[in-house]
Amino acid sequence: MVGSVAPAWFEHAVSIEPDVGRVDVHGAEVAYLAWGDAAAPTMVLVHGGAAHARWWAALAPFLAEHHRVVALDLSGHGASGRRERYRPELWAEEVLAVAQAGGSGGRPVVVGHSMGGFVTVVAAAKHGAALDGAIVLDVPIRRPDPESQEGRGGRMFRSPKTYPDLDTAMEHFHLIPPQPCENTWLVRYIARHSLRETPDGWTWCFDPRIFTNREGPASPSDYAEALASAACRFAIINGARSHIVDEEVRAYMAELLADSPAAAAGVPFVEVPEAYHHLFLDQPLAVVTAIRAVLAAWRPVGTAPAEVQPPGTA
């Protein structure tokens, strides 16, 4: 699987054309892709900052074997509309909206990576009764998330450049935070779908105002209260080599979750070997397996444990 030549499973996965849809959420058109049986239980995949739904394209067909998998472009990203201001609470509403528009109805499982994991935490806290469960991938609570850190201090996210041709643009694609990734075929696929052509050349598919006009929690430490209020089944998956989620972060997140409504069902922590922050680029099939294992432990899918109640309910 390692190297520059894409394996057959990847080529097959990305050849499967998803359904395409859009839904209006508070004045912005939110685009989404969907795979699998429209009648199956719904799973929503939430990308990280400056990313897009196609980051999940290699994984989604595998997850869609038992789910209707819906991956959205959060507003300000990919093919979705832009806003004057961006808020995690509003992004969480977008997650629920695409679950209803592109899913099968009922309560979805939400899976979020990095900044999308923070959105997932907010959704679990504010809309826990509407979710079947939440899984976050390499999400640090207490430390700055890598995309916002780059957005505050890095030039690429603050002032994305325009390039004369696609090849030149793709050469400038970098993972944030910097990390090795041996699956160059997967990184190149992500890079190609991260660019759009304009009259002036090729540029990136995100609104730089995400990092300058973003309201709500200023840093990951401000998500602690939301994590402690998670009101649905919850699981944490991270890369064993991640520089973002270390032992200190995991211990703090475990402490916050210990007294949360989610604790009644148990909160698994899973490490993916030989994976960094962008774990589903490093070890895509291992991440699929980890997600499947969490879902298997939660069966029957669609029925939350009675002990898990949203805050303020009996």
C-alpha atoms as a PDB file:
ATOM      1  CA  MET A   1       0.000   0.000   0.000  1.00  0.00           C
ATOM      2  CA  VAL A   2       2.957   2.292   0.607  1.00  0.00           C
ATOM      3  CA  GLY A   3       4.454   4.299  -2.232  1.00  0.00           C
ATOM      4  CA  SER A   4       3.546   6.242  -5.311  1.00  0.00           C
ATOM      5  CA  VAL A   5       1.498   3.542  -7.083  1.00  0.00           C
ATOM      6  CA  ALA A   6      -2.125   3.486  -5.965  1.00  0.00           C
ATOM      7  CA  PRO A   7      -3.415   0.063  -4.858  1.00  0.00           C
ATOM      8  CA  ALA A   8      -6.364  -1.552  -6.587  1.00  0.00           C
ATOM      9  CA  TRP A   9      -8.692  -1.085  -3.614  1.00  0.00           C
ATOM     10  CA  PHE A  10      -8.149   2.679  -3.727  1.00  0.00           C
ATOM     11  CA  GLU A  11      -8.723   2.933  -7.469  1.00  0.00           C
ATOM     12  CA  HIS A  12     -11.946   0.986  -7.080  1.00  0.00           C
ATOM     13  CA  ALA A  13     -13.125   3.071  -4.106  1.00  0.00           C
ATOM     14  CA  VAL A  14     -12.652   6.429  -5.816  1.00  0.00           C
ATOM     15  CA  SER A  15     -14.239   5.120  -9.016  1.00  0.00           C
ATOM     16  CA  ILE A  16     -17.551   4.745  -7.184  1.00  0.00           C
ATOM     17  CA  GLU A  17     -19.488   7.904  -7.945  1.00  0.00           C
ATOM     18  CA  PRO A  18     -21.375   9.233  -4.932  1.00  0.00           C
ATOM     19  CA  ASP A  19     -24.753  10.901  -5.013  1.00  0.00           C
ATOM     20  CA  VAL A  20     -24.406  14.691  -5.006  1.00  0.00           C
ATOM     21  CA  GLY A  21     -26.694  17.069  -3.165  1.00  0.00           C
ATOM     22  CA  ARG A  22     -27.076  20.491  -1.613  1.00  0.00           C
ATOM     23  CA  VAL A  23     -29.174  21.849   1.231  1.00  0.00           C
ATOM     24  CA  ASP A  24     -29.705  25.422   2.405  1.00  0.00           C
ATOM     25  CA  VAL A  25     -28.674  26.038   6.016  1.00  0.00           C
ATOM     26  CA  HIS A  26     -29.319  29.540   7.314  1.00  0.00           C
ATOM     27  CA  GLY A  27     -28.666  31.186   3.979  1.00  0.00           C
ATOM     28  CA  ALA A  28     -25.688  29.144   2.765  1.00  0.00           C
ATOM     29  CA  GLU A  29     -25.857  26.243   0.307  1.00  0.00           C
ATOM     30  CA  VAL A  30     -24.111  23.248   1.891  1.00  0.00           C
ATOM     31  CA  ALA A  31     -22.860  20.641  -0.571  1.00  0.00           C
ATOM     32  CA  TYR A  32     -22.549  16.951   0.251  1.00  0.00           C
ATOM     33  CA  LEU A  33     -21.652  13.582  -1.260  1.00  0.00           C
ATOM     34  CA  ALA A  34     -23.403  10.341  -0.291  1.00  0.00           C
ATOM     35  CA  TRP A  35     -22.565   6.664  -0.715  1.00  0.00           C
ATOM     36  CA  GLY A  36     -24.498   3.488  -0.005  1.00  0.00           C
ATOM     37  CA  ASP A  37     -28.075   2.356   0.475  1.00  0.00           C
ATOM     38  CA  ALA A  38     -30.361   5.329   1.045  1.00  0.00           C
ATOM     39  CA  ALA A  39     -32.355   3.218   3.526  1.00  0.00           C
ATOM     40  CA  ALA A  40     -29.369   2.200   5.691  1.00  0.00           C
ATOM     41  CA  PRO A  41     -28.494   3.934   8.995  1.00  0.00           C
ATOM     42  CA  THR A  42     -26.838   7.289   8.383  1.00  0.00           C
ATOM     43  CA  MET A  43     -23.218   8.201   9.037  1.00  0.00           C
ATOM     44  CA  VAL A  44     -21.969  11.765   8.508  1.00  0.00           C
ATOM     45  CA  LEU A  45     -18.264  12.440   7.876  1.00  0.00           C
ATOM     46  CA  VAL A  46     -16.922  15.886   8.853  1.00  0.00           C
ATOM     47  CA  HIS A  47     -13.610  17.058   7.377  1.00  0.00           C
ATOM     48  CA  GLY A  48     -10.955  19.258   8.975  1.00  0.00           C
ATOM     49  CA  GLY A  49     -10.185  22.927   8.421  1.00  0.00           C
ATOM     50  CA  ALA A  50      -9.440  23.999   4.816  1.00  0.00           C
ATOM     51  CA  ALA A  51     -10.404  20.471   3.693  1.00  0.00           C
ATOM     52  CA  HIS A  52     -13.491  19.088   1.918  1.00  0.00           C
ATOM     53  CA  ALA A  53     -15.733  16.045   1.486  1.00  0.00           C
ATOM     54  CA  ARG A  54     -13.397  14.298  -0.990  1.00  0.00           C
ATOM     55  CA  TRP A  55     -10.874  13.729   1.795  1.00  0.00           C
ATOM     56  CA  TRP A  56     -13.158  10.820   2.739  1.00  0.00           C
ATOM     57  CA  ALA A  57     -13.592   9.359  -0.773  1.00  0.00           C
ATOM     58  CA  ALA A  58     -11.245   6.396  -0.233  1.00  0.00           C
ATOM     59  CA  LEU A  59     -12.905   5.395   3.046  1.00  0.00           C
ATOM     60  CA  ALA A  60     -16.570   6.111   2.382  1.00  0.00           C
ATOM     61  CA  PRO A  61     -17.355   3.095   0.141  1.00  0.00           C
ATOM     62  CA  PHE A  62     -16.039   0.741   2.840  1.00  0.00           C
ATOM     63  CA  LEU A  63     -18.045   2.459   5.566  1.00  0.00           C
ATOM     64  CA  ALA A  64     -21.072   2.427   3.251  1.00  0.00           C
ATOM     65  CA  GLU A  65     -21.311  -1.362   3.326  1.00  0.00           C
ATOM     66  CA  HIS A  66     -23.703  -1.022   6.271  1.00  0.00           C
ATOM     67  CA  HIS A  67     -24.475   2.717   6.305  1.00  0.00           C
ATOM     68  CA  ARG A  68     -25.683   5.561   4.189  1.00  0.00           C
ATOM     69  CA  VAL A  69     -22.495   7.628   4.345  1.00  0.00           C
ATOM     70  CA  VAL A  70     -22.806  11.388   3.834  1.00  0.00           C
ATOM     71  CA  ALA A  71     -19.713  13.625   3.652  1.00  0.00           C
ATOM     72  CA  LEU A  72     -20.340  17.347   3.623  1.00  0.00           C
ATOM     73  CA  ASP A  73     -18.371  20.424   2.663  1.00  0.00           C
ATOM     74  CA  LEU A  74     -18.768  22.661   5.703  1.00  0.00           C
ATOM     75  CA  SER A  75     -19.716  26.208   4.700  1.00  0.00           C
ATOM     76  CA  GLY A  76     -16.608  28.041   3.529  1.00  0.00           C
ATOM     77  CA  HIS A  77     -15.116  24.801   2.211  1.00  0.00           C
ATOM     78  CA  GLY A  78     -15.189  22.861  -1.044  1.00  0.00           C
ATOM     79  CA  ALA A  79     -18.323  23.438  -3.120  1.00  0.00           C
ATOM     80  CA  SER A  80     -20.374  24.934  -0.287  1.00  0.00           C
ATOM     81  CA  GLY A  81     -21.385  28.555   0.041  1.00  0.00           C
ATOM     82  CA  ARG A  82     -19.507  31.097   2.101  1.00  0.00           C
ATOM     83  CA  ARG A  83     -20.547  33.185   5.081  1.00  0.00           C
ATOM     84  CA  GLU A  84     -19.508  36.487   6.584  1.00  0.00           C
ATOM     85  CA  ARG A  85     -18.841  34.706   9.885  1.00  0.00           C
ATOM     86  CA  TYR A  86     -18.248  31.070  10.777  1.00  0.00           C
ATOM     87  CA  ARG A  87     -19.311  29.411  14.045  1.00  0.00           C
ATOM     88  CA  PRO A  88     -18.869  25.824  15.253  1.00  0.00           C
ATOM     89  CA  GLU A  89     -22.496  25.792  16.415  1.00  0.00           C
ATOM     90  CA  LEU A  90     -23.675  26.656  12.913  1.00  0.00           C
ATOM     91  CA  TRP A  91     -21.398  24.039  11.368  1.00  0.00           C
ATOM     92  CA  ALA A  92     -22.963  21.516  13.777  1.00  0.00           C
ATOM     93  CA  GLU A  93     -26.378  22.488  12.419  1.00  0.00           C
ATOM     94  CA  GLU A  94     -25.060  21.888   8.903  1.00  0.00           C
ATOM     95  CA  VAL A  95     -24.066  18.358   9.956  1.00  0.00           C
ATOM     96  CA  LEU A  96     -27.612  17.620  11.123  1.00  0.00           C
ATOM     97  CA  ALA A  97     -29.108  19.201   7.995  1.00  0.00           C
ATOM     98  CA  VAL A  98     -27.102  17.059   5.574  1.00  0.00           C
ATOM     99  CA  ALA A  99     -27.890  13.969   7.656  1.00  0.00           C
ATOM    100  CA  GLN A 100     -31.568  14.605   7.019  1.00  0.00           C
ATOM    101  CA  ALA A 101     -31.171  15.725   3.401  1.00  0.00           C
ATOM    102  CA  GLY A 102     -28.762  13.019   2.233  1.00  0.00           C
ATOM    103  CA  GLY A 103     -29.312  10.280   4.790  1.00  0.00           C
ATOM    104  CA  SER A 104     -32.078   7.850   5.581  1.00  0.00           C
ATOM    105  CA  GLY A 105     -33.650   9.751   8.467  1.00  0.00           C
ATOM    106  CA  GLY A 106     -33.264   8.795  12.081  1.00  0.00           C
ATOM    107  CA  ARG A 107     -30.290   9.593  14.269  1.00  0.00           C
ATOM    108  CA  PRO A 108     -26.898   9.587  12.513  1.00  0.00           C
ATOM    109  CA  VAL A 109     -23.461   8.569  13.684  1.00  0.00           C
ATOM    110  CA  VAL A 110     -21.116  11.550  13.197  1.00  0.00           C
ATOM    111  CA  VAL A 111     -17.391  11.076  12.529  1.00  0.00           C
ATOM    112  CA  GLY A 112     -15.165  14.175  12.551  1.00  0.00           C
ATOM    113  CA  HIS A 113     -11.444  14.722  11.948  1.00  0.00           C
ATOM    114  CA  SER A 114      -9.363  17.554  13.456  1.00  0.00           C
ATOM    115  CA  MET A 115     -11.398  20.791  13.218  1.00  0.00           C
ATOM    116  CA  GLY A 116     -14.331  18.648  12.077  1.00  0.00           C
ATOM    117  CA  GLY A 117     -13.887  16.742  15.315  1.00  0.00           C
ATOM    118  CA  PHE A 118     -14.445  19.943  17.265  1.00  0.00           C
ATOM    119  CA  VAL A 119     -17.638  20.435  15.273  1.00  0.00           C
ATOM    120  CA  THR A 120     -18.581  16.865  16.192  1.00  0.00           C
ATOM    121  CA  VAL A 121     -17.948  17.590  19.891  1.00  0.00           C
ATOM    122  CA  VAL A 122     -20.253  20.618  19.677  1.00  0.00           C
ATOM    123  CA  ALA A 123     -22.904  18.524  17.926  1.00  0.00           C
ATOM    124  CA  ALA A 124     -22.653  15.852  20.646  1.00  0.00           C
ATOM    125  CA  ALA A 125     -23.055  18.475  23.371  1.00  0.00           C
ATOM    126  CA  LYS A 126     -25.848  20.518  21.829  1.00  0.00           C
ATOM    127  CA  HIS A 127     -27.692  17.873  19.797  1.00  0.00           C
ATOM    128  CA  GLY A 128     -26.773  14.640  21.562  1.00  0.00           C
ATOM    129  CA  ALA A 129     -30.353  13.369  21.637  1.00  0.00           C
ATOM    130  CA  ALA A 130     -30.441  13.667  17.829  1.00  0.00           C
ATOM    131  CA  LEU A 131     -27.287  11.553  17.335  1.00  0.00           C
ATOM    132  CA  ASP A 132     -26.726   7.820  17.446  1.00  0.00           C
ATOM    133  CA  GLY A 133     -23.109   8.406  18.389  1.00  0.00           C
ATOM    134  CA  ALA A 134     -20.033  10.555  17.785  1.00  0.00           C
ATOM    135  CA  ILE A 135     -16.496   9.493  16.847  1.00  0.00           C
ATOM    136  CA  VAL A 136     -13.632  11.981  16.742  1.00  0.00           C
ATOM    137  CA  LEU A 137     -10.352  11.388  14.892  1.00  0.00           C
ATOM    138  CA  ASP A 138      -7.187  12.965  16.298  1.00  0.00           C
ATOM    139  CA  VAL A 139      -8.903  15.862  18.027  1.00  0.00           C
ATOM    140  CA  PRO A 140      -6.973  17.649  20.781  1.00  0.00           C
ATOM    141  CA  ILE A 141      -8.900  19.290  23.561  1.00  0.00           C
ATOM    142  CA  ARG A 142      -6.714  21.917  25.254  1.00  0.00           C
ATOM    143  CA  ARG A 143      -4.108  22.390  22.550  1.00  0.00           C
ATOM    144  CA  PRO A 144      -4.537  24.591  19.464  1.00  0.00           C
ATOM    145  CA  ASP A 145      -5.972  22.685  16.518  1.00  0.00           C
ATOM    146  CA  PRO A 146      -3.498  22.616  13.625  1.00  0.00           C
ATOM    147  CA  GLU A 147      -5.660  24.351  11.034  1.00  0.00           C
ATOM    148  CA  SER A 148      -6.547  27.302  13.283  1.00  0.00           C
ATOM    149  CA  GLN A 149      -2.931  27.559  14.382  1.00  0.00           C
ATOM    150  CA  GLU A 150      -1.926  27.779  10.739  1.00  0.00           C
ATOM    151  CA  GLY A 151      -4.761  30.176  10.085  1.00  0.00           C
ATOM    152  CA  ARG A 152      -3.534  32.550  12.773  1.00  0.00           C
ATOM    153  CA  GLY A 153       0.165  32.333  12.023  1.00  0.00           C
ATOM    154  CA  GLY A 154       0.646  30.671   8.640  1.00  0.00           C
ATOM    155  CA  ARG A 155       0.632  32.320   5.246  1.00  0.00           C
ATOM    156  CA  MET A 156      -1.009  29.509   3.283  1.00  0.00           C
ATOM    157  CA  PHE A 157      -4.367  29.631   5.067  1.00  0.00           C
ATOM    158  CA  ARG A 158      -4.438  33.393   5.604  1.00  0.00           C
ATOM    159  CA  SER A 159      -3.557  34.340   2.037  1.00  0.00           C
ATOM    160  CA  PRO A 160      -3.978  31.366  -0.299  1.00  0.00           C
ATOM    161  CA  LYS A 161      -2.032  31.875  -3.519  1.00  0.00           C
ATOM    162  CA  THR A 162      -3.135  31.488  -7.116  1.00  0.00           C
ATOM    163  CA  TYR A 163      -1.016  29.395  -9.483  1.00  0.00           C
ATOM    164  CA  PRO A 164      -0.760  29.475 -13.293  1.00  0.00           C
ATOM    165  CA  ASP A 165      -1.569  25.794 -13.843  1.00  0.00           C
ATOM    166  CA  LEU A 166      -2.839  22.740 -11.983  1.00  0.00           C
ATOM    167  CA  ASP A 167       0.498  20.919 -11.776  1.00  0.00           C
ATOM    168  CA  THR A 168       2.210  23.922 -10.213  1.00  0.00           C
ATOM    169  CA  ALA A 169      -0.623  24.310  -7.721  1.00  0.00           C
ATOM    170  CA  MET A 170      -0.506  20.639  -6.709  1.00  0.00           C
ATOM    171  CA  GLU A 171       3.215  20.919  -6.014  1.00  0.00           C
ATOM    172  CA  HIS A 172       2.376  23.464  -3.325  1.00  0.00           C
ATOM    173  CA  PHE A 173      -0.097  21.240  -1.463  1.00  0.00           C
ATOM    174  CA  HIS A 174       1.101  20.494   2.078  1.00  0.00           C
ATOM    175  CA  LEU A 175      -0.430  18.694   5.015  1.00  0.00           C
ATOM    176  CA  ILE A 176      -1.003  20.924   8.055  1.00  0.00           C
ATOM    177  CA  PRO A 177       0.525  20.284  10.526  1.00  0.00           C
ATOM    178  CA  PRO A 178       3.566  18.989   8.606  1.00  0.00           C
ATOM    179  CA  GLN A 179       3.968  15.228   8.772  1.00  0.00           C
ATOM    180  CA  PRO A 180       5.298  12.401   6.630  1.00  0.00           C
ATOM    181  CA  CYS A 181       2.814  10.423   4.559  1.00  0.00           C
ATOM    182  CA  GLU A 182       4.048   7.540   2.453  1.00  0.00           C
ATOM    183  CA  ASN A 183       0.779   7.186   0.538  1.00  0.00           C
ATOM    184  CA  THR A 184       1.611   9.826  -2.058  1.00  0.00           C
ATOM    185  CA  TRP A 185      -1.147   8.538  -4.372  1.00  0.00           C
ATOM    186  CA  LEU A 186      -3.732   9.438  -1.737  1.00  0.00           C
ATOM    187  CA  VAL A 187      -2.191  12.828  -0.972  1.00  0.00           C
ATOM    188  CA  ARG A 188      -2.172  13.698  -4.682  1.00  0.00           C
ATOM    189  CA  TYR A 189      -5.836  12.741  -4.981  1.00  0.00           C
ATOM    190  CA  ILE A 190      -6.678  15.031  -2.061  1.00  0.00           C
ATOM    191  CA  ALA A 191      -4.552  17.829  -3.532  1.00  0.00           C
ATOM    192  CA  ARG A 192      -6.265  17.622  -6.926  1.00  0.00           C
ATOM    193  CA  HIS A 193      -9.704  17.945  -5.366  1.00  0.00           C
ATOM    194  CA  SER A 194      -8.533  20.813  -3.135  1.00  0.00           C
ATOM    195  CA  LEU A 195      -8.093  23.148  -6.105  1.00  0.00           C
ATOM    196  CA  ARG A 196     -10.440  25.095  -8.350  1.00  0.00           C
ATOM    197  CA  GLU A 197      -9.804  27.039 -11.533  1.00  0.00           C
ATOM    198  CA  THR A 198     -10.479  30.786 -11.649  1.00  0.00           C
ATOM    199  CA  PRO A 199      -9.958  33.362 -14.407  1.00  0.00           C
ATOM    200  CA  ASP A 200      -6.611  34.182 -12.753  1.00  0.00           C
ATOM    201  CA  GLY A 201      -5.428  30.590 -12.360  1.00  0.00           C
ATOM    202  CA  TRP A 202      -5.738  27.732  -9.846  1.00  0.00           C
ATOM    203  CA  THR A 203      -6.397  28.331  -6.167  1.00  0.00           C
ATOM    204  CA  TRP A 204      -7.580  26.470  -3.066  1.00  0.00           C
ATOM    205  CA  CYS A 205     -11.208  25.538  -2.324  1.00  0.00           C
ATOM    206  CA  PHE A 206     -11.697  27.265   0.995  1.00  0.00           C
ATOM    207  CA  ASP A 207     -12.544  30.701   2.296  1.00  0.00           C
ATOM    208  CA  PRO A 208      -9.542  32.193   4.169  1.00  0.00           C
ATOM    209  CA  ARG A 209     -12.016  34.111   6.325  1.00  0.00           C
ATOM    210  CA  ILE A 210     -12.692  30.806   8.106  1.00  0.00           C
ATOM    211  CA  PHE A 211      -9.564  31.594  10.091  1.00  0.00           C
ATOM    212  CA  THR A 212     -10.045  35.336  10.450  1.00  0.00           C
ATOM    213  CA  ASN A 213     -13.846  35.673  10.704  1.00  0.00           C
ATOM    214  CA  ARG A 214     -14.467  32.648  12.889  1.00  0.00           C
ATOM    215  CA  GLU A 215     -16.616  33.175  15.962  1.00  0.00           C
ATOM    216  CA  GLY A 216     -17.019  30.923  18.946  1.00  0.00           C
ATOM    217  CA  PRO A 217     -14.299  29.054  20.845  1.00  0.00           C
ATOM    218  CA  ALA A 218     -10.947  30.713  20.321  1.00  0.00           C
ATOM    219  CA  SER A 219      -8.870  27.597  20.931  1.00  0.00           C
ATOM    220  CA  PRO A 220      -9.342  23.873  21.563  1.00  0.00           C
ATOM    221  CA  SER A 221      -9.166  24.436  25.324  1.00  0.00           C
ATOM    222  CA  ASP A 222     -12.500  26.245  24.990  1.00  0.00           C
ATOM    223  CA  TYR A 223     -14.136  23.008  23.797  1.00  0.00           C
ATOM    224  CA  ALA A 224     -13.585  21.353  27.174  1.00  0.00           C
ATOM    225  CA  GLU A 225     -17.045  22.250  28.445  1.00  0.00           C
ATOM    226  CA  ALA A 226     -18.647  20.885  25.285  1.00  0.00           C
ATOM    227  CA  LEU A 227     -16.753  17.595  25.592  1.00  0.00           C
ATOM    228  CA  ALA A 228     -17.806  17.272  29.213  1.00  0.00           C
ATOM    229  CA  SER A 229     -21.411  17.721  28.066  1.00  0.00           C
ATOM    230  CA  ALA A 230     -21.320  15.105  25.287  1.00  0.00           C
ATOM    231  CA  ALA A 231     -24.791  13.553  25.428  1.00  0.00           C
ATOM    232  CA  CYS A 232     -24.527  10.568  23.093  1.00  0.00           C
ATOM    233  CA  ARG A 233     -22.305   7.542  22.675  1.00  0.00           C
ATOM    234  CA  PHE A 234     -18.761   8.772  22.110  1.00  0.00           C
ATOM    235  CA  ALA A 235     -15.441   7.327  20.907  1.00  0.00           C
ATOM    236  CA  ILE A 236     -11.961   8.703  20.322  1.00  0.00           C
ATOM    237  CA  ILE A 237      -9.544   7.456  17.640  1.00  0.00           C
ATOM    238  CA  ASN A 238      -6.102   8.941  17.125  1.00  0.00           C
ATOM    239  CA  GLY A 239      -2.835   8.232  15.372  1.00  0.00           C
ATOM    240  CA  ALA A 240      -0.247   6.520  17.551  1.00  0.00           C
ATOM    241  CA  ARG A 241       2.426   8.834  16.104  1.00  0.00           C
ATOM    242  CA  SER A 242       0.307  11.978  16.289  1.00  0.00           C
ATOM    243  CA  HIS A 243       2.093  15.096  17.519  1.00  0.00           C
ATOM    244  CA  ILE A 244      -1.295  16.679  18.210  1.00  0.00           C
ATOM    245  CA  VAL A 245      -2.915  14.122  20.500  1.00  0.00           C
ATOM    246  CA  ASP A 246      -0.425  12.848  23.079  1.00  0.00           C
ATOM    247  CA  GLU A 247      -0.763  11.117  26.460  1.00  0.00           C
ATOM    248  CA  GLU A 248      -1.424  14.398  28.253  1.00  0.00           C
ATOM    249  CA  VAL A 249      -4.233  15.328  25.861  1.00  0.00           C
ATOM    250  CA  ARG A 250      -5.796  11.862  26.047  1.00  0.00           C
ATOM    251  CA  ALA A 251      -5.699  11.928  29.843  1.00  0.00           C
ATOM    252  CA  TYR A 252      -7.386  15.326  29.939  1.00  0.00           C
ATOM    253  CA  MET A 253     -10.078  14.263  27.484  1.00  0.00           C
ATOM    254  CA  ALA A 254     -10.699  11.096  29.517  1.00  0.00           C
ATOM    255  CA  GLU A 255     -11.084  13.238  32.639  1.00  0.00           C
ATOM    256  CA  LEU A 256     -13.601  15.497  30.930  1.00  0.00           C
ATOM    257  CA  LEU A 257     -15.603  12.561  29.593  1.00  0.00           C
ATOM    258  CA  ALA A 258     -15.588  10.654  32.889  1.00  0.00           C
ATOM    259  CA  ASP A 259     -18.462  12.724  34.292  1.00  0.00           C
ATOM    260  CA  SER A 260     -20.231  13.352  30.987  1.00  0.00           C
ATOM    261  CA  PRO A 261     -23.571  11.830  29.993  1.00  0.00           C
ATOM    262  CA  ALA A 262     -21.610   9.781  27.426  1.00  0.00           C
ATOM    263  CA  ALA A 263     -19.663   7.993  30.173  1.00  0.00           C
ATOM    264  CA  ALA A 264     -22.574   5.679  31.006  1.00  0.00           C
ATOM    265  CA  ALA A 265     -22.086   3.812  27.728  1.00  0.00           C
ATOM    266  CA  GLY A 266     -18.302   3.711  28.040  1.00  0.00           C
ATOM    267  CA  VAL A 267     -15.927   5.782  25.885  1.00  0.00           C
ATOM    268  CA  PRO A 268     -13.363   3.744  23.918  1.00  0.00           C
ATOM    269  CA  PHE A 269      -9.979   5.271  23.084  1.00  0.00           C
ATOM    270  CA  VAL A 270      -8.367   3.651  20.032  1.00  0.00           C
ATOM    271  CA  GLU A 271      -4.859   4.247  18.649  1.00  0.00           C
ATOM    272  CA  VAL A 272      -4.041   3.494  15.011  1.00  0.00           C
ATOM    273  CA  PRO A 273      -0.450   2.209  14.683  1.00  0.00           C
ATOM    274  CA  GLU A 274       1.974   4.012  12.368  1.00  0.00           C
ATOM    275  CA  ALA A 275      -0.428   6.920  11.849  1.00  0.00           C
ATOM    276  CA  TYR A 276       0.093  10.631  12.422  1.00  0.00           C
ATOM    277  CA  HIS A 277      -2.482  13.427  12.687  1.00  0.00           C
ATOM    278  CA  HIS A 278      -3.927  12.764   9.227  1.00  0.00           C
ATOM    279  CA  LEU A 279      -4.438   9.156  10.229  1.00  0.00           C
ATOM    280  CA  PHE A 280      -6.846   8.185   7.444  1.00  0.00           C
ATOM    281  CA  LEU A 281      -4.275   9.256   4.865  1.00  0.00           C
ATOM    282  CA  ASP A 282      -1.516   7.307   6.631  1.00  0.00           C
ATOM    283  CA  GLN A 283      -3.496   4.138   7.410  1.00  0.00           C
ATOM    284  CA  PRO A 284      -6.863   4.367   5.619  1.00  0.00           C
ATOM    285  CA  LEU A 285      -7.938   0.740   5.948  1.00  0.00           C
ATOM    286  CA  ALA A 286      -6.884   0.594   9.601  1.00  0.00           C
ATOM    287  CA  VAL A 287      -9.033   3.646  10.298  1.00  0.00           C
ATOM    288  CA  VAL A 288     -11.987   1.986   8.549  1.00  0.00           C
ATOM    289  CA  THR A 289     -11.433  -1.041  10.782  1.00  0.00           C
ATOM    290  CA  ALA A 290     -11.265   1.117  13.918  1.00  0.00           C
ATOM    291  CA  ILE A 291     -14.533   2.873  13.047  1.00  0.00           C
ATOM    292  CA  ARG A 292     -16.195  -0.453  12.241  1.00  0.00           C
ATOM    293  CA  ALA A 293     -15.020  -1.853  15.580  1.00  0.00           C
ATOM    294  CA  VAL A 294     -16.536   1.054  17.499  1.00  0.00           C
ATOM    295  CA  LEU A 295     -19.826   0.646  15.632  1.00  0.00           C
ATOM    296  CA  ALA A 296     -19.831  -3.091  16.333  1.00  0.00           C
ATOM    297  CA  ALA A 297     -19.420  -2.383  20.038  1.00  0.00           C
ATOM    298  CA  TRP A 298     -22.386  -0.011  19.850  1.00  0.00           C
ATOM    299  CA  ARG A 299     -24.813  -2.456  18.252  1.00  0.00           C
ATOM    300  CA  PRO A 300     -27.708  -2.462  17.830  1.00  0.00           C
ATOM    301  CA  VAL A 301     -27.115   0.561  15.595  1.00  0.00           C
ATOM    302  CA  GLY A 302     -29.853   3.171  15.924  1.00  0.00           C
ATOM    303  CA  THR A 303     -30.659   2.435  19.575  1.00  0.00           C
ATOM    304  CA  ALA A 304     -28.775   4.582  22.081  1.00  0.00           C
ATOM    305  CA  PRO A 305     -28.288   3.186  25.603  1.00  0.00           C
ATOM    306  CA  ALA A 306     -31.108   4.350  27.859  1.00  0.00           C
ATOM    307  CA  GLU A 307     -28.594   5.617  30.424  1.00  0.00           C
ATOM    308  CA  VAL A 308     -27.240   8.274  28.041  1.00  0.00           C
ATOM    309  CA  GLN A 309     -29.453  11.322  28.402  1.00  0.00           C
ATOM    310  CA  PRO A 310     -28.896  14.864  27.130  1.00  0.00           C
ATOM    311  CA  PRO A 311     -28.167  17.484  29.804  1.00  0.00           C
ATOM    312  CA  GLY A 312     -31.239  18.662  31.665  1.00  0.00           C
ATOM    313  CA  THR A 313     -33.359  15.557  31.062  1.00  0.00           C
ATOM    314  CA  ALA A 314     -34.518  12.943  33.501  1.00  0.00           C
END
